[in-house]
């Protein structure tokens, strides 16, 4: 099989609803804010 695609360097935006489940409060807050910023 061929190699995987390179990771893009820009934020891929969206408008869907994400249920985020993370027991580490700091990580959860970081990811939630980042996803909201991405739409």
ModelCIF file with pLDDT and N, C-alpha, C, O atoms, coordinates in Angstrom:
data_MODEL
#
_entry.id   MODEL 
#
_entity.id                         1 
_entity.type                       polymer 
_entity.pdbx_number_of_molecules   1 
#
_entity_poly.entity_id                      1 
_entity_poly.type                           'polypeptide(L)' 
_entity_poly.nstd_linkage                   no 
_entity_poly.nstd_monomer                   no 
_entity_poly.pdbx_seq_one_letter_code       
;(UNK)(UNK)(UNK)(UNK)(UNK)(UNK)(UNK)(UNK)(UNK)(UNK)(UNK)(UNK)(UNK)(UNK)(UNK)(UNK)
(UNK)(UNK)(UNK)(UNK)(UNK)(UNK)(UNK)(UNK)(UNK)(UNK)(UNK)(UNK)(UNK)(UNK)(UNK)(UNK)
(UNK)(UNK)(UNK)(UNK)(UNK)(UNK)(UNK)
;
_entity_poly.pdbx_seq_one_letter_code_can   XXXXXXXXXXXXXXXXXXXXXXXXXXXXXXXXXXXXXXX 
_entity_poly.pdbx_strand_id                 A 
#
loop_
_entity_poly_seq.entity_id 
_entity_poly_seq.num 
_entity_poly_seq.mon_id 
_entity_poly_seq.hetero 
1 1  UNK n 
1 2  UNK n 
1 3  UNK n 
1 4  UNK n 
1 5  UNK n 
1 6  UNK n 
1 7  UNK n 
1 8  UNK n 
1 9  UNK n 
1 10 UNK n 
1 11 UNK n 
1 12 UNK n 
1 13 UNK n 
1 14 UNK n 
1 15 UNK n 
1 16 UNK n 
1 17 UNK n 
1 18 UNK n 
1 19 UNK n 
1 20 UNK n 
1 21 UNK n 
1 22 UNK n 
1 23 UNK n 
1 24 UNK n 
1 25 UNK n 
1 26 UNK n 
1 27 UNK n 
1 28 UNK n 
1 29 UNK n 
1 30 UNK n 
1 31 UNK n 
1 32 UNK n 
1 33 UNK n 
1 34 UNK n 
1 35 UNK n 
1 36 UNK n 
1 37 UNK n 
1 38 UNK n 
1 39 UNK n 
#
_struct_asym.id          A 
_struct_asym.entity_id   1 
#
loop_
_ma_qa_metric.id 
_ma_qa_metric.mode 
_ma_qa_metric.name 
_ma_qa_metric.software_group_id 
_ma_qa_metric.type 
1 global pLDDT . pLDDT 
2 local  pLDDT . pLDDT 
#
_ma_qa_metric_global.metric_id      1 
_ma_qa_metric_global.metric_value   81.15 
_ma_qa_metric_global.model_id       1 
_ma_qa_metric_global.ordinal_id     1 
#
loop_
_ma_qa_metric_local.label_asym_id 
_ma_qa_metric_local.label_comp_id 
_ma_qa_metric_local.label_seq_id 
_ma_qa_metric_local.metric_id 
_ma_qa_metric_local.metric_value 
_ma_qa_metric_local.model_id 
_ma_qa_metric_local.ordinal_id 
A UNK 1  2 61.00 1 1  
A UNK 2  2 53.00 1 2  
A UNK 3  2 47.00 1 3  
A UNK 4  2 45.00 1 4  
A UNK 5  2 46.00 1 5  
A UNK 6  2 47.00 1 6  
A UNK 7  2 46.00 1 7  
A UNK 8  2 49.00 1 8  
A UNK 9  2 52.00 1 9  
A UNK 10 2 59.00 1 10 
A UNK 11 2 65.00 1 11 
A UNK 12 2 76.00 1 12 
A UNK 13 2 86.00 1 13 
A UNK 14 2 88.00 1 14 
A UNK 15 2 92.00 1 15 
A UNK 16 2 94.00 1 16 
A UNK 17 2 96.00 1 17 
A UNK 18 2 97.00 1 18 
A UNK 19 2 97.00 1 19 
A UNK 20 2 97.00 1 20 
A UNK 21 2 96.00 1 21 
A UNK 22 2 94.00 1 22 
A UNK 23 2 91.00 1 23 
A UNK 24 2 90.00 1 24 
A UNK 25 2 92.00 1 25 
A UNK 26 2 91.00 1 26 
A UNK 27 2 92.00 1 27 
A UNK 28 2 94.00 1 28 
A UNK 29 2 94.00 1 29 
A UNK 30 2 94.00 1 30 
A UNK 31 2 95.00 1 31 
A UNK 32 2 95.00 1 32 
A UNK 33 2 93.00 1 33 
A UNK 34 2 92.00 1 34 
A UNK 35 2 95.00 1 35 
A UNK 36 2 95.00 1 36 
A UNK 37 2 92.00 1 37 
A UNK 38 2 93.00 1 38 
A UNK 39 2 94.00 1 39 
#
loop_
_atom_site.group_PDB 
_atom_site.id 
_atom_site.type_symbol 
_atom_site.label_atom_id 
_atom_site.label_alt_id 
_atom_site.label_comp_id 
_atom_site.label_asym_id 
_atom_site.label_entity_id 
_atom_site.label_seq_id 
_atom_site.pdbx_PDB_ins_code 
_atom_site.Cartn_x 
_atom_site.Cartn_y 
_atom_site.Cartn_z 
_atom_site.occupancy 
_atom_site.B_iso_or_equiv 
_atom_site.pdbx_formal_charge 
_atom_site.auth_seq_id 
_atom_site.auth_comp_id 
_atom_site.auth_asym_id 
_atom_site.auth_atom_id 
_atom_site.pdbx_PDB_model_num 
ATOM 1   N N  . UNK A 1 1  ? 0.835   -1.198 0.000  1.00 61.00 ? 1  UNK A N  1 
ATOM 2   C CA . UNK A 1 1  ? 0.000   0.000  0.000  1.00 61.00 ? 1  UNK A CA 1 
ATOM 3   C C  . UNK A 1 1  ? 0.868   1.246  0.000  1.00 61.00 ? 1  UNK A C  1 
ATOM 4   O O  . UNK A 1 1  ? 2.017   1.217  0.440  1.00 61.00 ? 1  UNK A O  1 
ATOM 5   N N  . UNK A 1 2  ? 0.306   2.343  -0.499 1.00 53.00 ? 2  UNK A N  1 
ATOM 6   C CA . UNK A 1 2  ? 1.025   3.608  -0.541 1.00 53.00 ? 2  UNK A CA 1 
ATOM 7   C C  . UNK A 1 2  ? 1.018   4.247  0.834  1.00 53.00 ? 2  UNK A C  1 
ATOM 8   O O  . UNK A 1 2  ? 0.257   3.854  1.719  1.00 53.00 ? 2  UNK A O  1 
ATOM 9   N N  . UNK A 1 3  ? 1.878   5.238  0.995  1.00 47.00 ? 3  UNK A N  1 
ATOM 10  C CA . UNK A 1 3  ? 1.986   5.920  2.285  1.00 47.00 ? 3  UNK A CA 1 
ATOM 11  C C  . UNK A 1 3  ? 0.771   6.818  2.525  1.00 47.00 ? 3  UNK A C  1 
ATOM 12  O O  . UNK A 1 3  ? 0.040   7.165  1.597  1.00 47.00 ? 3  UNK A O  1 
ATOM 13  N N  . UNK A 1 4  ? 0.575   7.185  3.795  1.00 45.00 ? 4  UNK A N  1 
ATOM 14  C CA . UNK A 1 4  ? -0.559  8.037  4.160  1.00 45.00 ? 4  UNK A CA 1 
ATOM 15  C C  . UNK A 1 4  ? -0.321  9.462  3.671  1.00 45.00 ? 4  UNK A C  1 
ATOM 16  O O  . UNK A 1 4  ? 0.810   9.866  3.403  1.00 45.00 ? 4  UNK A O  1 
ATOM 17  N N  . UNK A 1 5  ? -1.420  10.214 3.562  1.00 46.00 ? 5  UNK A N  1 
ATOM 18  C CA . UNK A 1 5  ? -1.335  11.598 3.108  1.00 46.00 ? 5  UNK A CA 1 
ATOM 19  C C  . UNK A 1 5  ? -0.653  12.453 4.173  1.00 46.00 ? 5  UNK A C  1 
ATOM 20  O O  . UNK A 1 5  ? -0.806  12.181 5.364  1.00 46.00 ? 5  UNK A O  1 
ATOM 21  N N  . UNK A 1 6  ? 0.110   13.498 3.762  1.00 47.00 ? 6  UNK A N  1 
ATOM 22  C CA . UNK A 1 6  ? 0.723   14.376 4.747  1.00 47.00 ? 6  UNK A CA 1 
ATOM 23  C C  . UNK A 1 6  ? -0.338  15.148 5.526  1.00 47.00 ? 6  UNK A C  1 
ATOM 24  O O  . UNK A 1 6  ? -1.406  15.444 4.990  1.00 47.00 ? 6  UNK A O  1 
ATOM 25  N N  . UNK A 1 7  ? -0.056  15.471 6.770  1.00 46.00 ? 7  UNK A N  1 
ATOM 26  C CA . UNK A 1 7  ? -1.003  16.216 7.606  1.00 46.00 ? 7  UNK A CA 1 
ATOM 27  C C  . UNK A 1 7  ? -1.075  17.663 7.141  1.00 46.00 ? 7  UNK A C  1 
ATOM 28  O O  . UNK A 1 7  ? -0.042  18.324 7.040  1.00 46.00 ? 7  UNK A O  1 
ATOM 29  N N  . UNK A 1 8  ? -2.285  18.175 6.853  1.00 49.00 ? 8  UNK A N  1 
ATOM 30  C CA . UNK A 1 8  ? -2.388  19.563 6.406  1.00 49.00 ? 8  UNK A CA 1 
ATOM 31  C C  . UNK A 1 8  ? -1.960  20.536 7.497  1.00 49.00 ? 8  UNK A C  1 
ATOM 32  O O  . UNK A 1 8  ? -1.993  20.211 8.683  1.00 49.00 ? 8  UNK A O  1 
ATOM 33  N N  . UNK A 1 9  ? -1.556  21.739 7.076  1.00 52.00 ? 9  UNK A N  1 
ATOM 34  C CA . UNK A 1 9  ? -1.072  22.722 8.049  1.00 52.00 ? 9  UNK A CA 1 
ATOM 35  C C  . UNK A 1 9  ? -2.098  23.818 8.299  1.00 52.00 ? 9  UNK A C  1 
ATOM 36  O O  . UNK A 1 9  ? -1.784  24.796 8.977  1.00 52.00 ? 9  UNK A O  1 
ATOM 37  N N  . UNK A 1 10 ? -3.315  23.687 7.774  1.00 59.00 ? 10 UNK A N  1 
ATOM 38  C CA . UNK A 1 10 ? -4.367  24.660 8.029  1.00 59.00 ? 10 UNK A CA 1 
ATOM 39  C C  . UNK A 1 10 ? -5.535  23.986 8.729  1.00 59.00 ? 10 UNK A C  1 
ATOM 40  O O  . UNK A 1 10 ? -5.768  22.788 8.567  1.00 59.00 ? 10 UNK A O  1 
ATOM 41  N N  . UNK A 1 11 ? -6.264  24.772 9.507  1.00 65.00 ? 11 UNK A N  1 
ATOM 42  C CA . UNK A 1 11 ? -7.400  24.233 10.254 1.00 65.00 ? 11 UNK A CA 1 
ATOM 43  C C  . UNK A 1 11 ? -8.533  23.916 9.285  1.00 65.00 ? 11 UNK A C  1 
ATOM 44  O O  . UNK A 1 11 ? -8.964  24.777 8.519  1.00 65.00 ? 11 UNK A O  1 
ATOM 45  N N  . UNK A 1 12 ? -9.011  22.678 9.324  1.00 76.00 ? 12 UNK A N  1 
ATOM 46  C CA . UNK A 1 12 ? -10.143 22.272 8.482  1.00 76.00 ? 12 UNK A CA 1 
ATOM 47  C C  . UNK A 1 12 ? -11.426 22.612 9.220  1.00 76.00 ? 12 UNK A C  1 
ATOM 48  O O  . UNK A 1 12 ? -11.708 22.048 10.277 1.00 76.00 ? 12 UNK A O  1 
ATOM 49  N N  . UNK A 1 13 ? -12.205 23.536 8.664  1.00 86.00 ? 13 UNK A N  1 
ATOM 50  C CA . UNK A 1 13 ? -13.377 24.047 9.361  1.00 86.00 ? 13 UNK A CA 1 
ATOM 51  C C  . UNK A 1 13 ? -14.599 23.171 9.106  1.00 86.00 ? 13 UNK A C  1 
ATOM 52  O O  . UNK A 1 13 ? -14.632 22.414 8.136  1.00 86.00 ? 13 UNK A O  1 
ATOM 53  N N  . UNK A 1 14 ? -15.613 23.276 9.984  1.00 88.00 ? 14 UNK A N  1 
ATOM 54  C CA . UNK A 1 14 ? -16.850 22.532 9.830  1.00 88.00 ? 14 UNK A CA 1 
ATOM 55  C C  . UNK A 1 14 ? -17.966 23.216 10.582 1.00 88.00 ? 14 UNK A C  1 
ATOM 56  O O  . UNK A 1 14 ? -17.744 24.220 11.259 1.00 88.00 ? 14 UNK A O  1 
ATOM 57  N N  . UNK A 1 15 ? -19.187 22.668 10.466 1.00 92.00 ? 15 UNK A N  1 
ATOM 58  C CA . UNK A 1 15 ? -20.338 23.287 11.144 1.00 92.00 ? 15 UNK A CA 1 
ATOM 59  C C  . UNK A 1 15 ? -21.157 22.245 11.908 1.00 92.00 ? 15 UNK A C  1 
ATOM 60  O O  . UNK A 1 15 ? -22.227 22.563 12.427 1.00 92.00 ? 15 UNK A O  1 
ATOM 61  N N  . UNK A 1 16 ? -20.667 21.010 11.981 1.00 94.00 ? 16 UNK A N  1 
ATOM 62  C CA . UNK A 1 16 ? -21.425 19.935 12.610 1.00 94.00 ? 16 UNK A CA 1 
ATOM 63  C C  . UNK A 1 16 ? -21.368 20.012 14.139 1.00 94.00 ? 16 UNK A C  1 
ATOM 64  O O  . UNK A 1 16 ? -20.661 20.831 14.726 1.00 94.00 ? 16 UNK A O  1 
ATOM 65  N N  . UNK A 1 17 ? -22.158 19.106 14.760 1.00 96.00 ? 17 UNK A N  1 
ATOM 66  C CA . UNK A 1 17 ? -22.192 19.008 16.222 1.00 96.00 ? 17 UNK A CA 1 
ATOM 67  C C  . UNK A 1 17 ? -21.285 17.865 16.679 1.00 96.00 ? 17 UNK A C  1 
ATOM 68  O O  . UNK A 1 17 ? -21.386 16.740 16.190 1.00 96.00 ? 17 UNK A O  1 
ATOM 69  N N  . UNK A 1 18 ? -20.399 18.176 17.625 1.00 97.00 ? 18 UNK A N  1 
ATOM 70  C CA . UNK A 1 18 ? -19.450 17.202 18.148 1.00 97.00 ? 18 UNK A CA 1 
ATOM 71  C C  . UNK A 1 18 ? -19.711 16.999 19.641 1.00 97.00 ? 18 UNK A C  1 
ATOM 72  O O  . UNK A 1 18 ? -19.782 17.959 20.408 1.00 97.00 ? 18 UNK A O  1 
ATOM 73  N N  . UNK A 1 19 ? -19.852 15.726 20.041 1.00 97.00 ? 19 UNK A N  1 
ATOM 74  C CA . UNK A 1 19 ? -19.930 15.382 21.461 1.00 97.00 ? 19 UNK A CA 1 
ATOM 75  C C  . UNK A 1 19 ? -18.511 15.023 21.899 1.00 97.00 ? 19 UNK A C  1 
ATOM 76  O O  . UNK A 1 19 ? -17.963 14.000 21.489 1.00 97.00 ? 19 UNK A O  1 
ATOM 77  N N  . UNK A 1 20 ? -17.924 15.881 22.742 1.00 97.00 ? 20 UNK A N  1 
ATOM 78  C CA . UNK A 1 20 ? -16.536 15.715 23.195 1.00 97.00 ? 20 UNK A CA 1 
ATOM 79  C C  . UNK A 1 20 ? -16.524 15.103 24.592 1.00 97.00 ? 20 UNK A C  1 
ATOM 80  O O  . UNK A 1 20 ? -17.121 15.654 25.517 1.00 97.00 ? 20 UNK A O  1 
ATOM 81  N N  . UNK A 1 21 ? -15.848 13.969 24.748 1.00 96.00 ? 21 UNK A N  1 
ATOM 82  C CA . UNK A 1 21 ? -15.785 13.277 26.039 1.00 96.00 ? 21 UNK A CA 1 
ATOM 83  C C  . UNK A 1 21 ? -14.318 13.112 26.420 1.00 96.00 ? 21 UNK A C  1 
ATOM 84  O O  . UNK A 1 21 ? -13.575 12.380 25.766 1.00 96.00 ? 21 UNK A O  1 
ATOM 85  N N  . UNK A 1 22 ? -13.911 13.797 27.480 1.00 94.00 ? 22 UNK A N  1 
ATOM 86  C CA . UNK A 1 22 ? -12.519 13.783 27.928 1.00 94.00 ? 22 UNK A CA 1 
ATOM 87  C C  . UNK A 1 22 ? -12.490 14.064 29.422 1.00 94.00 ? 22 UNK A C  1 
ATOM 88  O O  . UNK A 1 22 ? -13.002 15.088 29.875 1.00 94.00 ? 22 UNK A O  1 
ATOM 89  N N  . UNK A 1 23 ? -11.879 13.140 30.202 1.00 91.00 ? 23 UNK A N  1 
ATOM 90  C CA . UNK A 1 23 ? -11.895 13.319 31.655 1.00 91.00 ? 23 UNK A CA 1 
ATOM 91  C C  . UNK A 1 23 ? -10.852 14.313 32.149 1.00 91.00 ? 23 UNK A C  1 
ATOM 92  O O  . UNK A 1 23 ? -10.953 14.788 33.280 1.00 91.00 ? 23 UNK A O  1 
ATOM 93  N N  . UNK A 1 24 ? -9.858  14.638 31.336 1.00 90.00 ? 24 UNK A N  1 
ATOM 94  C CA . UNK A 1 24 ? -8.858  15.632 31.728 1.00 90.00 ? 24 UNK A CA 1 
ATOM 95  C C  . UNK A 1 24 ? -9.411  17.023 31.400 1.00 90.00 ? 24 UNK A C  1 
ATOM 96  O O  . UNK A 1 24 ? -9.606  17.363 30.233 1.00 90.00 ? 24 UNK A O  1 
ATOM 97  N N  . UNK A 1 25 ? -9.664  17.829 32.454 1.00 92.00 ? 25 UNK A N  1 
ATOM 98  C CA . UNK A 1 25 ? -10.335 19.122 32.294 1.00 92.00 ? 25 UNK A CA 1 
ATOM 99  C C  . UNK A 1 25 ? -9.559  20.055 31.372 1.00 92.00 ? 25 UNK A C  1 
ATOM 100 O O  . UNK A 1 25 ? -10.159 20.722 30.529 1.00 92.00 ? 25 UNK A O  1 
ATOM 101 N N  . UNK A 1 26 ? -8.237  20.115 31.515 1.00 91.00 ? 26 UNK A N  1 
ATOM 102 C CA . UNK A 1 26 ? -7.417  21.042 30.723 1.00 91.00 ? 26 UNK A CA 1 
ATOM 103 C C  . UNK A 1 26 ? -7.478  20.664 29.241 1.00 91.00 ? 26 UNK A C  1 
ATOM 104 O O  . UNK A 1 26 ? -7.639  21.531 28.382 1.00 91.00 ? 26 UNK A O  1 
ATOM 105 N N  . UNK A 1 27 ? -7.349  19.377 28.950 1.00 92.00 ? 27 UNK A N  1 
ATOM 106 C CA . UNK A 1 27 ? -7.405  18.921 27.556 1.00 92.00 ? 27 UNK A CA 1 
ATOM 107 C C  . UNK A 1 27 ? -8.794  19.161 26.986 1.00 92.00 ? 27 UNK A C  1 
ATOM 108 O O  . UNK A 1 27 ? -8.927  19.605 25.846 1.00 92.00 ? 27 UNK A O  1 
ATOM 109 N N  . UNK A 1 28 ? -9.837  18.869 27.771 1.00 94.00 ? 28 UNK A N  1 
ATOM 110 C CA . UNK A 1 28 ? -11.212 19.044 27.295 1.00 94.00 ? 28 UNK A CA 1 
ATOM 111 C C  . UNK A 1 28 ? -11.477 20.507 26.928 1.00 94.00 ? 28 UNK A C  1 
ATOM 112 O O  . UNK A 1 28 ? -12.050 20.788 25.875 1.00 94.00 ? 28 UNK A O  1 
ATOM 113 N N  . UNK A 1 29 ? -11.066 21.428 27.787 1.00 94.00 ? 29 UNK A N  1 
ATOM 114 C CA . UNK A 1 29 ? -11.275 22.857 27.541 1.00 94.00 ? 29 UNK A CA 1 
ATOM 115 C C  . UNK A 1 29 ? -10.524 23.302 26.286 1.00 94.00 ? 29 UNK A C  1 
ATOM 116 O O  . UNK A 1 29 ? -11.061 24.038 25.458 1.00 94.00 ? 29 UNK A O  1 
ATOM 117 N N  . UNK A 1 30 ? -9.282  22.849 26.159 1.00 94.00 ? 30 UNK A N  1 
ATOM 118 C CA . UNK A 1 30 ? -8.466  23.205 24.990 1.00 94.00 ? 30 UNK A CA 1 
ATOM 119 C C  . UNK A 1 30 ? -9.125  22.731 23.698 1.00 94.00 ? 30 UNK A C  1 
ATOM 120 O O  . UNK A 1 30 ? -9.273  23.507 22.754 1.00 94.00 ? 30 UNK A O  1 
ATOM 121 N N  . UNK A 1 31 ? -9.526  21.443 23.655 1.00 95.00 ? 31 UNK A N  1 
ATOM 122 C CA . UNK A 1 31 ? -10.102 20.875 22.438 1.00 95.00 ? 31 UNK A CA 1 
ATOM 123 C C  . UNK A 1 31 ? -11.450 21.513 22.120 1.00 95.00 ? 31 UNK A C  1 
ATOM 124 O O  . UNK A 1 31 ? -11.738 21.812 20.961 1.00 95.00 ? 31 UNK A O  1 
ATOM 125 N N  . UNK A 1 32 ? -12.277 21.723 23.143 1.00 95.00 ? 32 UNK A N  1 
ATOM 126 C CA . UNK A 1 32 ? -13.599 22.330 22.930 1.00 95.00 ? 32 UNK A CA 1 
ATOM 127 C C  . UNK A 1 32 ? -13.460 23.725 22.336 1.00 95.00 ? 32 UNK A C  1 
ATOM 128 O O  . UNK A 1 32 ? -14.161 24.065 21.383 1.00 95.00 ? 32 UNK A O  1 
ATOM 129 N N  . UNK A 1 33 ? -12.566 24.534 22.888 1.00 93.00 ? 33 UNK A N  1 
ATOM 130 C CA . UNK A 1 33 ? -12.372 25.894 22.375 1.00 93.00 ? 33 UNK A CA 1 
ATOM 131 C C  . UNK A 1 33 ? -11.842 25.875 20.944 1.00 93.00 ? 33 UNK A C  1 
ATOM 132 O O  . UNK A 1 33 ? -12.254 26.674 20.104 1.00 93.00 ? 33 UNK A O  1 
ATOM 133 N N  . UNK A 1 34 ? -10.913 24.940 20.679 1.00 92.00 ? 34 UNK A N  1 
ATOM 134 C CA . UNK A 1 34 ? -10.357 24.829 19.332 1.00 92.00 ? 34 UNK A CA 1 
ATOM 135 C C  . UNK A 1 34 ? -11.402 24.435 18.309 1.00 92.00 ? 34 UNK A C  1 
ATOM 136 O O  . UNK A 1 34 ? -11.414 24.970 17.200 1.00 92.00 ? 34 UNK A O  1 
ATOM 137 N N  . UNK A 1 35 ? -12.292 23.494 18.668 1.00 95.00 ? 35 UNK A N  1 
ATOM 138 C CA . UNK A 1 35 ? -13.342 23.054 17.740 1.00 95.00 ? 35 UNK A CA 1 
ATOM 139 C C  . UNK A 1 35 ? -14.382 24.157 17.516 1.00 95.00 ? 35 UNK A C  1 
ATOM 140 O O  . UNK A 1 35 ? -14.856 24.346 16.396 1.00 95.00 ? 35 UNK A O  1 
ATOM 141 N N  . UNK A 1 36 ? -14.733 24.877 18.572 1.00 95.00 ? 36 UNK A N  1 
ATOM 142 C CA . UNK A 1 36 ? -15.692 25.986 18.413 1.00 95.00 ? 36 UNK A CA 1 
ATOM 143 C C  . UNK A 1 36 ? -15.104 27.063 17.491 1.00 95.00 ? 36 UNK A C  1 
ATOM 144 O O  . UNK A 1 36 ? -15.806 27.640 16.660 1.00 95.00 ? 36 UNK A O  1 
ATOM 145 N N  . UNK A 1 37 ? -13.806 27.317 17.657 1.00 92.00 ? 37 UNK A N  1 
ATOM 146 C CA . UNK A 1 37 ? -13.123 28.299 16.811 1.00 92.00 ? 37 UNK A CA 1 
ATOM 147 C C  . UNK A 1 37 ? -13.146 27.861 15.343 1.00 92.00 ? 37 UNK A C  1 
ATOM 148 O O  . UNK A 1 37 ? -13.163 28.696 14.439 1.00 92.00 ? 37 UNK A O  1 
ATOM 149 N N  . UNK A 1 38 ? -13.147 26.536 15.115 1.00 93.00 ? 38 UNK A N  1 
ATOM 150 C CA . UNK A 1 38 ? -13.176 25.994 13.755 1.00 93.00 ? 38 UNK A CA 1 
ATOM 151 C C  . UNK A 1 38 ? -14.598 25.877 13.209 1.00 93.00 ? 38 UNK A C  1 
ATOM 152 O O  . UNK A 1 38 ? -14.788 25.385 12.097 1.00 93.00 ? 38 UNK A O  1 
ATOM 153 N N  . UNK A 1 39 ? -15.608 26.326 13.977 1.00 94.00 ? 39 UNK A N  1 
ATOM 154 C CA . UNK A 1 39 ? -16.979 26.383 13.472 1.00 94.00 ? 39 UNK A CA 1 
ATOM 155 C C  . UNK A 1 39 ? -17.919 25.319 13.994 1.00 94.00 ? 39 UNK A C  1 
ATOM 156 O O  . UNK A 1 39 ? -19.091 25.293 13.620 1.00 94.00 ? 39 UNK A O  1 
#
